[in-house]
């Protein structure tokens, strides 16, 4: 990406249909079509952070947050949201060297704040693999990953073709009816 633009971005999708498996590879400006639906690769991309909360008792709870992109070259993204199945609210800010964007981050750090109501239970930085102690349980920074988007839309002329076929069928039925009456 010397000038900042994407040259080639494709996805590989496995559609596990009822009769057969199909592999589709949509790209930028090159949609893949499956059963009347165009699938396009979009140029929207960003980072995602996976956290795992392990309470004192019970199974771990993994959650992946898609981060909102930042205009700062040192902030890869941020997000503020509830942590499912718990009373906690999480605020995340992922910082790294993102001057050269890509799936690999240099020196990532997660600034994390965990609250329950008005109480701050944890506020500080984490590195990959670190954890924060919250109510006797542990919240691990499990993974940082890279995401990009897909857009699904009906094939451009499928609605027009259906309307034309319906109009033709109605016209043929009316013509047949008036011939019988005439």
C-alpha atoms as a PDB file:
ATOM      1  CA  UNK A   1       0.000   0.000   0.000  1.00  0.00           C
ATOM      2  CA  UNK A   2       2.644   2.571  -0.922  1.00  0.00           C
ATOM      3  CA  UNK A   3       0.130   5.371  -1.555  1.00  0.00           C
ATOM      4  CA  UNK A   4      -2.341   4.262   1.121  1.00  0.00           C
ATOM      5  CA  UNK A   5      -4.804   2.596  -1.267  1.00  0.00           C
ATOM      6  CA  UNK A   6      -5.668  -1.075  -1.359  1.00  0.00           C
ATOM      7  CA  UNK A   7      -4.459  -2.962  -4.408  1.00  0.00           C
ATOM      8  CA  UNK A   8      -6.015  -6.326  -3.768  1.00  0.00           C
ATOM      9  CA  UNK A   9      -8.337  -7.406  -1.019  1.00  0.00           C
ATOM     10  CA  UNK A  10     -10.265 -10.646  -1.293  1.00  0.00           C
ATOM     11  CA  UNK A  11     -12.174 -12.942   0.995  1.00  0.00           C
ATOM     12  CA  UNK A  12     -12.563 -16.678   0.805  1.00  0.00           C
ATOM     13  CA  UNK A  13     -16.019 -17.840   1.886  1.00  0.00           C
ATOM     14  CA  UNK A  14     -17.228 -21.388   2.311  1.00  0.00           C
ATOM     15  CA  UNK A  15     -20.997 -21.639   1.806  1.00  0.00           C
ATOM     16  CA  UNK A  16     -22.202 -24.898   3.314  1.00  0.00           C
ATOM     17  CA  UNK A  17     -25.363 -25.364   1.246  1.00  0.00           C
ATOM     18  CA  UNK A  18     -27.893 -28.159   1.659  1.00  0.00           C
ATOM     19  CA  UNK A  19     -26.673 -30.002  -1.441  1.00  0.00           C
ATOM     20  CA  UNK A  20     -23.070 -28.900  -1.870  1.00  0.00           C
ATOM     21  CA  UNK A  21     -20.328 -26.741  -0.457  1.00  0.00           C
ATOM     22  CA  UNK A  22     -19.355 -23.717  -2.538  1.00  0.00           C
ATOM     23  CA  UNK A  23     -16.234 -21.604  -2.242  1.00  0.00           C
ATOM     24  CA  UNK A  24     -16.650 -17.930  -3.181  1.00  0.00           C
ATOM     25  CA  UNK A  25     -13.889 -15.329  -3.493  1.00  0.00           C
ATOM     26  CA  UNK A  26     -15.324 -11.814  -3.677  1.00  0.00           C
ATOM     27  CA  UNK A  27     -12.871  -8.944  -4.061  1.00  0.00           C
ATOM     28  CA  UNK A  28     -12.893  -5.157  -4.269  1.00  0.00           C
ATOM     29  CA  UNK A  29     -14.969  -4.292  -7.336  1.00  0.00           C
ATOM     30  CA  UNK A  30     -15.353  -7.990  -8.151  1.00  0.00           C
ATOM     31  CA  UNK A  31     -18.498  -9.443  -6.561  1.00  0.00           C
ATOM     32  CA  UNK A  32     -19.197 -13.132  -6.154  1.00  0.00           C
ATOM     33  CA  UNK A  33     -22.775 -14.234  -6.807  1.00  0.00           C
ATOM     34  CA  UNK A  34     -24.622 -16.916  -4.869  1.00  0.00           C
ATOM     35  CA  UNK A  35     -28.324 -17.678  -5.393  1.00  0.00           C
ATOM     36  CA  UNK A  36     -29.188 -14.197  -6.682  1.00  0.00           C
ATOM     37  CA  UNK A  37     -27.151 -12.333  -4.079  1.00  0.00           C
ATOM     38  CA  UNK A  38     -23.983 -10.404  -4.861  1.00  0.00           C
ATOM     39  CA  UNK A  39     -21.293 -10.530  -2.189  1.00  0.00           C
ATOM     40  CA  UNK A  40     -18.751  -7.723  -2.351  1.00  0.00           C
ATOM     41  CA  UNK A  41     -15.572  -7.209  -0.406  1.00  0.00           C
ATOM     42  CA  UNK A  42     -15.585  -3.731   1.127  1.00  0.00           C
ATOM     43  CA  UNK A  43     -12.628  -1.540   1.917  1.00  0.00           C
ATOM     44  CA  UNK A  44     -13.789  -1.151   5.540  1.00  0.00           C
ATOM     45  CA  UNK A  45     -11.302  -2.725   7.902  1.00  0.00           C
ATOM     46  CA  UNK A  46     -10.043  -2.480  11.427  1.00  0.00           C
ATOM     47  CA  UNK A  47      -8.924  -4.348  14.489  1.00  0.00           C
ATOM     48  CA  UNK A  48     -10.762  -6.595  16.903  1.00  0.00           C
ATOM     49  CA  UNK A  49      -9.845  -7.479  20.483  1.00  0.00           C
ATOM     50  CA  UNK A  50     -10.870 -10.730  22.162  1.00  0.00           C
ATOM     51  CA  UNK A  51     -11.120 -10.741  25.949  1.00  0.00           C
ATOM     52  CA  UNK A  52     -11.862 -13.770  28.120  1.00  0.00           C
ATOM     53  CA  UNK A  53     -13.311 -13.344  31.605  1.00  0.00           C
ATOM     54  CA  UNK A  54     -12.690 -16.268  33.933  1.00  0.00           C
ATOM     55  CA  UNK A  55     -14.781 -15.913  37.108  1.00  0.00           C
ATOM     56  CA  UNK A  56     -13.721 -17.667  40.307  1.00  0.00           C
ATOM     57  CA  UNK A  57     -16.247 -20.390  39.501  1.00  0.00           C
ATOM     58  CA  UNK A  58     -17.706 -21.401  36.191  1.00  0.00           C
ATOM     59  CA  UNK A  59     -16.537 -21.387  32.604  1.00  0.00           C
ATOM     60  CA  UNK A  60     -14.658 -18.585  30.872  1.00  0.00           C
ATOM     61  CA  UNK A  61     -16.638 -16.040  28.847  1.00  0.00           C
ATOM     62  CA  UNK A  62     -14.930 -14.991  25.572  1.00  0.00           C
ATOM     63  CA  UNK A  63     -16.052 -11.783  23.841  1.00  0.00           C
ATOM     64  CA  UNK A  64     -14.676 -10.203  20.668  1.00  0.00           C
ATOM     65  CA  UNK A  65     -15.087  -6.452  20.180  1.00  0.00           C
ATOM     66  CA  UNK A  66     -14.770  -4.850  16.735  1.00  0.00           C
ATOM     67  CA  UNK A  67     -12.978  -1.591  17.388  1.00  0.00           C
ATOM     68  CA  UNK A  68     -14.059   1.690  15.861  1.00  0.00           C
ATOM     69  CA  UNK A  69     -11.240   3.061  13.679  1.00  0.00           C
ATOM     70  CA  UNK A  70      -9.390   6.129  14.909  1.00  0.00           C
ATOM     71  CA  UNK A  71      -8.021   9.082  12.962  1.00  0.00           C
ATOM     72  CA  UNK A  72      -4.818   8.985  15.031  1.00  0.00           C
ATOM     73  CA  UNK A  73      -1.984   6.896  13.553  1.00  0.00           C
ATOM     74  CA  UNK A  74      -1.083   5.673  17.061  1.00  0.00           C
ATOM     75  CA  UNK A  75      -4.589   4.534  18.062  1.00  0.00           C
ATOM     76  CA  UNK A  76      -5.742   1.434  16.205  1.00  0.00           C
ATOM     77  CA  UNK A  77      -9.281   1.671  17.526  1.00  0.00           C
ATOM     78  CA  UNK A  78     -11.557   2.085  20.502  1.00  0.00           C
ATOM     79  CA  UNK A  79     -14.804   0.701  21.865  1.00  0.00           C
ATOM     80  CA  UNK A  80     -17.019   1.123  24.908  1.00  0.00           C
ATOM     81  CA  UNK A  81     -19.622  -1.568  25.562  1.00  0.00           C
ATOM     82  CA  UNK A  82     -21.121  -3.918  28.124  1.00  0.00           C
ATOM     83  CA  UNK A  83     -19.435  -7.261  28.771  1.00  0.00           C
ATOM     84  CA  UNK A  84     -22.149  -9.903  28.176  1.00  0.00           C
ATOM     85  CA  UNK A  85     -23.351 -12.136  31.025  1.00  0.00           C
ATOM     86  CA  UNK A  86     -21.675  -9.893  33.609  1.00  0.00           C
ATOM     87  CA  UNK A  87     -22.502  -6.583  35.325  1.00  0.00           C
ATOM     88  CA  UNK A  88     -19.350  -5.006  33.833  1.00  0.00           C
ATOM     89  CA  UNK A  89     -18.889  -2.190  31.320  1.00  0.00           C
ATOM     90  CA  UNK A  90     -15.664  -2.214  29.294  1.00  0.00           C
ATOM     91  CA  UNK A  91     -13.851   0.705  27.641  1.00  0.00           C
ATOM     92  CA  UNK A  92     -11.027  -0.270  25.299  1.00  0.00           C
ATOM     93  CA  UNK A  93      -8.402   1.726  23.449  1.00  0.00           C
ATOM     94  CA  UNK A  94      -5.912  -0.221  21.370  1.00  0.00           C
ATOM     95  CA  UNK A  95      -2.676   1.622  20.706  1.00  0.00           C
ATOM     96  CA  UNK A  96       0.095   0.471  18.420  1.00  0.00           C
ATOM     97  CA  UNK A  97       2.263   1.595  15.556  1.00  0.00           C
ATOM     98  CA  UNK A  98      -0.399   1.769  12.833  1.00  0.00           C
ATOM     99  CA  UNK A  99       1.421   4.121  10.468  1.00  0.00           C
ATOM    100  CA  UNK A 100       1.827   1.093   8.197  1.00  0.00           C
ATOM    101  CA  UNK A 101      -1.658  -0.470   8.483  1.00  0.00           C
ATOM    102  CA  UNK A 102      -1.976  -4.185   8.115  1.00  0.00           C
ATOM    103  CA  UNK A 103      -2.870  -7.357   9.933  1.00  0.00           C
ATOM    104  CA  UNK A 104       0.314  -7.238  12.037  1.00  0.00           C
ATOM    105  CA  UNK A 105       0.558  -4.738  14.889  1.00  0.00           C
ATOM    106  CA  UNK A 106       3.822  -3.449  16.292  1.00  0.00           C
ATOM    107  CA  UNK A 107       3.985  -2.922  20.080  1.00  0.00           C
ATOM    108  CA  UNK A 108       0.248  -3.286  20.822  1.00  0.00           C
ATOM    109  CA  UNK A 109      -1.136  -2.052  24.131  1.00  0.00           C
ATOM    110  CA  UNK A 110      -4.704  -2.122  25.391  1.00  0.00           C
ATOM    111  CA  UNK A 111      -5.826   0.696  27.674  1.00  0.00           C
ATOM    112  CA  UNK A 112      -8.665  -0.941  29.568  1.00  0.00           C
ATOM    113  CA  UNK A 113     -11.233   0.418  31.991  1.00  0.00           C
ATOM    114  CA  UNK A 114     -13.732  -1.913  33.671  1.00  0.00           C
ATOM    115  CA  UNK A 115     -16.615  -0.459  35.658  1.00  0.00           C
ATOM    116  CA  UNK A 116     -19.648  -1.781  37.492  1.00  0.00           C
ATOM    117  CA  UNK A 117     -22.128   1.049  37.908  1.00  0.00           C
ATOM    118  CA  UNK A 118     -20.165   4.040  39.215  1.00  0.00           C
ATOM    119  CA  UNK A 119     -17.311   1.875  40.581  1.00  0.00           C
ATOM    120  CA  UNK A 120     -14.086   1.534  38.613  1.00  0.00           C
ATOM    121  CA  UNK A 121     -12.809  -2.026  39.094  1.00  0.00           C
ATOM    122  CA  UNK A 122      -9.744  -1.736  36.844  1.00  0.00           C
ATOM    123  CA  UNK A 123      -8.086   1.033  34.862  1.00  0.00           C
ATOM    124  CA  UNK A 124      -4.722   0.569  33.218  1.00  0.00           C
ATOM    125  CA  UNK A 125      -2.722  -0.816  30.325  1.00  0.00           C
ATOM    126  CA  UNK A 126      -2.468  -4.470  29.295  1.00  0.00           C
ATOM    127  CA  UNK A 127      -0.071  -6.164  26.883  1.00  0.00           C
ATOM    128  CA  UNK A 128      -1.098  -9.281  24.899  1.00  0.00           C
ATOM    129  CA  UNK A 129      -1.525 -12.214  27.286  1.00  0.00           C
ATOM    130  CA  UNK A 130      -1.818  -9.977  30.386  1.00  0.00           C
ATOM    131  CA  UNK A 131      -4.834 -10.045  32.683  1.00  0.00           C
ATOM    132  CA  UNK A 132      -6.685  -7.793  35.084  1.00  0.00           C
ATOM    133  CA  UNK A 133      -8.101  -9.075  38.387  1.00  0.00           C
ATOM    134  CA  UNK A 134     -11.785  -8.205  38.711  1.00  0.00           C
ATOM    135  CA  UNK A 135     -13.947  -9.358  41.635  1.00  0.00           C
ATOM    136  CA  UNK A 136     -11.625 -12.313  42.231  1.00  0.00           C
ATOM    137  CA  UNK A 137     -11.890 -13.403  38.594  1.00  0.00           C
ATOM    138  CA  UNK A 138      -9.459 -12.631  35.789  1.00  0.00           C
ATOM    139  CA  UNK A 139     -10.017 -10.759  32.536  1.00  0.00           C
ATOM    140  CA  UNK A 140      -7.448 -11.858  29.951  1.00  0.00           C
ATOM    141  CA  UNK A 141      -6.439 -10.059  26.780  1.00  0.00           C
ATOM    142  CA  UNK A 142      -6.589 -13.153  24.625  1.00  0.00           C
ATOM    143  CA  UNK A 143      -6.102 -11.939  21.062  1.00  0.00           C
ATOM    144  CA  UNK A 144      -5.993  -8.998  18.696  1.00  0.00           C
ATOM    145  CA  UNK A 145      -7.077  -9.652  15.131  1.00  0.00           C
ATOM    146  CA  UNK A 146      -7.802  -7.831  11.906  1.00  0.00           C
ATOM    147  CA  UNK A 147     -11.233  -7.697  10.248  1.00  0.00           C
ATOM    148  CA  UNK A 148     -12.641  -6.450   6.994  1.00  0.00           C
ATOM    149  CA  UNK A 149     -16.189  -6.229   5.780  1.00  0.00           C
ATOM    150  CA  UNK A 150     -18.476  -7.828   3.248  1.00  0.00           C
ATOM    151  CA  UNK A 151     -21.585  -6.320   1.688  1.00  0.00           C
ATOM    152  CA  UNK A 152     -24.523  -8.459   0.596  1.00  0.00           C
ATOM    153  CA  UNK A 153     -27.057  -7.188  -1.949  1.00  0.00           C
ATOM    154  CA  UNK A 154     -29.612  -8.671  -4.271  1.00  0.00           C
ATOM    155  CA  UNK A 155     -28.351  -9.126  -7.803  1.00  0.00           C
ATOM    156  CA  UNK A 156     -29.009  -5.815  -9.643  1.00  0.00           C
ATOM    157  CA  UNK A 157     -31.702  -6.927 -12.058  1.00  0.00           C
ATOM    158  CA  UNK A 158     -33.436  -9.694 -10.117  1.00  0.00           C
ATOM    159  CA  UNK A 159     -36.228  -7.333  -8.927  1.00  0.00           C
ATOM    160  CA  UNK A 160     -36.659  -5.882 -12.412  1.00  0.00           C
ATOM    161  CA  UNK A 161     -36.809  -9.346 -13.994  1.00  0.00           C
ATOM    162  CA  UNK A 162     -39.388 -10.483 -11.418  1.00  0.00           C
ATOM    163  CA  UNK A 163     -41.509  -7.366 -12.073  1.00  0.00           C
ATOM    164  CA  UNK A 164     -41.352  -7.954 -15.845  1.00  0.00           C
ATOM    165  CA  UNK A 165     -42.342 -11.603 -15.460  1.00  0.00           C
ATOM    166  CA  UNK A 166     -45.244 -10.676 -13.159  1.00  0.00           C
ATOM    167  CA  UNK A 167     -46.443  -7.966 -15.571  1.00  0.00           C
ATOM    168  CA  UNK A 168     -46.246 -10.418 -18.489  1.00  0.00           C
ATOM    169  CA  UNK A 169     -48.191 -13.070 -16.551  1.00  0.00           C
ATOM    170  CA  UNK A 170     -50.913 -10.590 -15.539  1.00  0.00           C
ATOM    171  CA  UNK A 171     -51.105  -9.271 -19.115  1.00  0.00           C
ATOM    172  CA  UNK A 172     -51.411 -12.786 -20.538  1.00  0.00           C
ATOM    173  CA  UNK A 173     -54.150 -13.689 -18.020  1.00  0.00           C
ATOM    174  CA  UNK A 174     -56.147 -10.528 -18.817  1.00  0.00           C
ATOM    175  CA  UNK A 175     -55.733 -11.067 -22.579  1.00  0.00           C
ATOM    176  CA  UNK A 176     -56.934 -14.663 -22.241  1.00  0.00           C
ATOM    177  CA  UNK A 177     -59.916 -13.576 -20.106  1.00  0.00           C
ATOM    178  CA  UNK A 178     -61.044 -10.840 -22.531  1.00  0.00           C
ATOM    179  CA  UNK A 179     -60.769 -13.209 -25.480  1.00  0.00           C
ATOM    180  CA  UNK A 180     -63.070 -15.657 -23.710  1.00  0.00           C
ATOM    181  CA  UNK A 181     -65.609 -12.930 -22.954  1.00  0.00           C
ATOM    182  CA  UNK A 182     -65.383 -11.338 -26.429  1.00  0.00           C
END
